[in-house]
N, C-alpha and C. Protein backbone atom coordinates (compact mmCIF):
# COMPACT_ATOMS: atom_id res chain seq x y z
N MET A 1 -11.75 7.78 9.08
CA MET A 1 -10.42 7.76 8.47
C MET A 1 -10.48 6.88 7.22
N VAL A 2 -10.11 7.42 6.13
CA VAL A 2 -10.07 6.67 4.87
C VAL A 2 -8.59 6.36 4.60
N TYR A 3 -8.18 5.17 5.00
CA TYR A 3 -6.75 4.83 4.93
C TYR A 3 -6.21 4.84 3.51
N TYR A 4 -7.02 4.42 2.53
CA TYR A 4 -6.49 4.28 1.18
C TYR A 4 -6.16 5.62 0.53
N LYS A 5 -6.58 6.71 1.10
CA LYS A 5 -6.17 8.02 0.58
C LYS A 5 -4.76 8.38 1.03
N ARG A 6 -4.23 7.65 2.03
CA ARG A 6 -2.91 7.93 2.56
C ARG A 6 -1.88 6.86 2.20
N ILE A 7 -2.32 5.74 1.69
CA ILE A 7 -1.42 4.62 1.35
C ILE A 7 -1.32 4.53 -0.16
N GLU A 8 -0.09 4.32 -0.63
CA GLU A 8 0.15 4.22 -2.08
C GLU A 8 0.92 2.93 -2.36
N ILE A 9 0.52 2.24 -3.41
CA ILE A 9 1.24 1.06 -3.89
C ILE A 9 1.58 1.32 -5.35
N ASN A 10 2.85 1.50 -5.60
CA ASN A 10 3.33 1.86 -6.94
C ASN A 10 4.61 1.08 -7.21
N PRO A 11 4.68 0.29 -8.28
CA PRO A 11 5.88 -0.51 -8.54
C PRO A 11 7.14 0.34 -8.70
N GLN A 12 6.97 1.63 -8.97
CA GLN A 12 8.13 2.51 -9.13
C GLN A 12 8.66 3.05 -7.80
N ILE A 13 7.92 2.82 -6.72
CA ILE A 13 8.31 3.31 -5.40
C ILE A 13 8.49 2.13 -4.46
N MET A 14 9.68 1.97 -3.92
CA MET A 14 10.00 0.92 -2.95
C MET A 14 9.56 -0.47 -3.45
N LEU A 15 9.76 -0.71 -4.73
CA LEU A 15 9.44 -2.00 -5.36
C LEU A 15 7.98 -2.41 -5.16
N GLY A 16 7.10 -1.43 -5.06
CA GLY A 16 5.68 -1.73 -4.95
C GLY A 16 5.18 -2.02 -3.55
N LYS A 17 6.05 -1.86 -2.55
CA LYS A 17 5.59 -2.05 -1.18
C LYS A 17 4.65 -0.89 -0.81
N PRO A 18 3.65 -1.13 0.03
CA PRO A 18 2.77 -0.04 0.45
C PRO A 18 3.55 1.01 1.23
N VAL A 19 3.40 2.26 0.83
CA VAL A 19 4.08 3.38 1.50
C VAL A 19 3.06 4.45 1.84
N ILE A 20 3.46 5.36 2.72
CA ILE A 20 2.63 6.53 2.98
C ILE A 20 2.75 7.44 1.76
N LYS A 21 1.63 7.81 1.21
CA LYS A 21 1.59 8.61 -0.02
C LYS A 21 2.45 9.86 0.12
N GLY A 22 3.24 10.13 -0.92
CA GLY A 22 4.10 11.31 -0.93
C GLY A 22 5.42 11.11 -0.21
N THR A 23 5.65 9.89 0.30
CA THR A 23 6.91 9.58 0.98
C THR A 23 7.45 8.27 0.42
N ARG A 24 8.60 7.90 0.93
CA ARG A 24 9.16 6.58 0.65
C ARG A 24 9.20 5.77 1.94
N ILE A 25 8.28 6.07 2.83
CA ILE A 25 8.22 5.39 4.13
C ILE A 25 7.22 4.25 4.04
N PRO A 26 7.74 3.00 4.06
CA PRO A 26 6.85 1.84 3.94
C PRO A 26 5.97 1.65 5.18
N VAL A 27 4.80 1.13 4.95
CA VAL A 27 3.87 0.83 6.04
C VAL A 27 4.53 -0.11 7.04
N TYR A 28 5.32 -1.07 6.58
CA TYR A 28 5.90 -2.04 7.50
C TYR A 28 6.85 -1.39 8.50
N ILE A 29 7.50 -0.30 8.12
CA ILE A 29 8.38 0.41 9.06
C ILE A 29 7.56 0.94 10.23
N ILE A 30 6.43 1.54 9.92
CA ILE A 30 5.56 2.08 10.97
C ILE A 30 5.06 0.95 11.87
N LEU A 31 4.64 -0.15 11.27
CA LEU A 31 4.14 -1.28 12.06
C LEU A 31 5.23 -1.87 12.94
N ASN A 32 6.44 -1.99 12.40
CA ASN A 32 7.56 -2.50 13.20
C ASN A 32 7.86 -1.59 14.39
N LEU A 33 7.84 -0.29 14.16
CA LEU A 33 8.10 0.65 15.26
C LEU A 33 7.02 0.54 16.34
N LEU A 34 5.77 0.46 15.93
CA LEU A 34 4.69 0.28 16.90
C LEU A 34 4.87 -1.03 17.66
N GLY A 35 5.25 -2.08 16.96
CA GLY A 35 5.48 -3.38 17.59
C GLY A 35 6.65 -3.36 18.55
N ASP A 36 7.60 -2.47 18.32
CA ASP A 36 8.75 -2.32 19.21
C ASP A 36 8.45 -1.41 20.39
N GLY A 37 7.21 -0.89 20.46
CA GLY A 37 6.81 -0.09 21.60
C GLY A 37 6.87 1.41 21.40
N TYR A 38 7.20 1.86 20.20
CA TYR A 38 7.20 3.30 19.93
C TYR A 38 5.77 3.82 19.97
N ASN A 39 5.59 5.03 20.47
CA ASN A 39 4.28 5.64 20.39
C ASN A 39 4.24 6.58 19.19
N VAL A 40 3.08 7.15 18.93
CA VAL A 40 2.90 7.99 17.74
C VAL A 40 3.89 9.16 17.74
N ASN A 41 4.04 9.82 18.88
CA ASN A 41 4.95 10.96 18.94
C ASN A 41 6.39 10.57 18.67
N GLN A 42 6.81 9.42 19.17
CA GLN A 42 8.18 8.96 18.92
C GLN A 42 8.39 8.67 17.44
N ILE A 43 7.41 8.07 16.79
CA ILE A 43 7.53 7.77 15.36
C ILE A 43 7.60 9.07 14.56
N ILE A 44 6.78 10.03 14.90
CA ILE A 44 6.80 11.31 14.19
C ILE A 44 8.14 12.02 14.41
N LYS A 45 8.72 11.86 15.59
CA LYS A 45 10.04 12.46 15.85
C LYS A 45 11.10 11.82 14.95
N GLU A 46 11.00 10.51 14.76
CA GLU A 46 11.95 9.79 13.89
C GLU A 46 11.70 10.07 12.41
N TYR A 47 10.43 10.23 12.06
CA TYR A 47 10.02 10.45 10.67
C TYR A 47 9.10 11.68 10.61
N PRO A 48 9.69 12.88 10.62
CA PRO A 48 8.88 14.11 10.69
C PRO A 48 7.91 14.32 9.53
N ASP A 49 8.09 13.60 8.43
CA ASP A 49 7.15 13.72 7.31
C ASP A 49 5.82 13.03 7.60
N LEU A 50 5.77 12.22 8.65
CA LEU A 50 4.54 11.50 8.98
C LEU A 50 3.66 12.33 9.90
N THR A 51 2.36 12.02 9.83
CA THR A 51 1.39 12.61 10.74
C THR A 51 0.71 11.49 11.51
N GLN A 52 -0.03 11.87 12.53
CA GLN A 52 -0.79 10.87 13.28
C GLN A 52 -1.76 10.14 12.35
N LYS A 53 -2.36 10.86 11.43
CA LYS A 53 -3.30 10.23 10.50
C LYS A 53 -2.60 9.21 9.60
N ASP A 54 -1.35 9.47 9.23
CA ASP A 54 -0.59 8.51 8.43
C ASP A 54 -0.38 7.22 9.22
N ILE A 55 -0.03 7.36 10.48
CA ILE A 55 0.24 6.19 11.32
C ILE A 55 -1.04 5.38 11.53
N LEU A 56 -2.14 6.06 11.77
CA LEU A 56 -3.42 5.36 11.91
C LEU A 56 -3.83 4.70 10.61
N ALA A 57 -3.54 5.33 9.48
CA ALA A 57 -3.84 4.73 8.18
C ALA A 57 -3.04 3.45 7.98
N ALA A 58 -1.77 3.45 8.43
CA ALA A 58 -0.95 2.25 8.31
C ALA A 58 -1.55 1.10 9.12
N LEU A 59 -2.03 1.40 10.31
CA LEU A 59 -2.68 0.38 11.14
C LEU A 59 -3.95 -0.14 10.48
N LYS A 60 -4.75 0.76 9.98
CA LYS A 60 -6.00 0.37 9.33
C LYS A 60 -5.72 -0.49 8.08
N PHE A 61 -4.71 -0.09 7.31
CA PHE A 61 -4.32 -0.84 6.12
C PHE A 61 -3.90 -2.27 6.52
N ALA A 62 -3.09 -2.37 7.56
CA ALA A 62 -2.64 -3.70 8.01
C ALA A 62 -3.82 -4.55 8.47
N ALA A 63 -4.75 -3.95 9.19
CA ALA A 63 -5.92 -4.68 9.65
C ALA A 63 -6.77 -5.17 8.48
N LYS A 64 -7.01 -4.30 7.53
CA LYS A 64 -7.81 -4.68 6.36
C LYS A 64 -7.10 -5.75 5.53
N THR A 65 -5.80 -5.61 5.37
CA THR A 65 -5.04 -6.56 4.56
C THR A 65 -5.04 -7.94 5.19
N THR A 66 -4.79 -8.02 6.49
CA THR A 66 -4.72 -9.33 7.14
C THR A 66 -6.09 -9.96 7.33
N LYS A 67 -7.13 -9.15 7.27
CA LYS A 67 -8.48 -9.69 7.40
C LYS A 67 -8.80 -10.66 6.27
N PHE A 68 -8.28 -10.40 5.09
CA PHE A 68 -8.62 -11.20 3.92
C PHE A 68 -7.51 -12.15 3.48
N GLU A 69 -6.42 -12.18 4.22
CA GLU A 69 -5.31 -13.07 3.88
C GLU A 69 -5.49 -14.41 4.55
N ASP A 70 -5.12 -15.47 3.85
CA ASP A 70 -5.06 -16.79 4.48
C ASP A 70 -3.68 -16.92 5.09
N LEU A 71 -3.64 -17.00 6.40
CA LEU A 71 -2.37 -17.07 7.11
C LEU A 71 -2.11 -18.51 7.54
N THR A 72 -0.88 -18.93 7.35
CA THR A 72 -0.48 -20.27 7.75
C THR A 72 0.09 -20.19 9.17
N PRO A 73 -0.41 -21.02 10.08
CA PRO A 73 0.12 -20.99 11.45
C PRO A 73 1.61 -21.35 11.47
N THR A 74 2.33 -20.74 12.37
CA THR A 74 3.74 -21.04 12.54
C THR A 74 3.86 -22.37 13.28
N PRO A 75 4.67 -23.30 12.75
CA PRO A 75 4.82 -24.58 13.44
C PRO A 75 5.44 -24.38 14.84
N THR A 76 4.98 -25.17 15.78
CA THR A 76 5.53 -25.06 17.15
C THR A 76 6.54 -26.12 17.42
């Protein structure tokens, strides 16, 4: 799976947030739905323009992005 063929970052679309190419569906929406317990079929039902490959690309993009980010721990 080559995630970057499915993810687009364009300042003219959703203020430059990463979206699924050809849509205005931000990657963070997909990640939030997965985090809320939605499965792939439920997400596709809510967003019929998406495919399973789009959802997997969003996950791969998030993994690659956070791999190289310096994250600050949340204070306890």
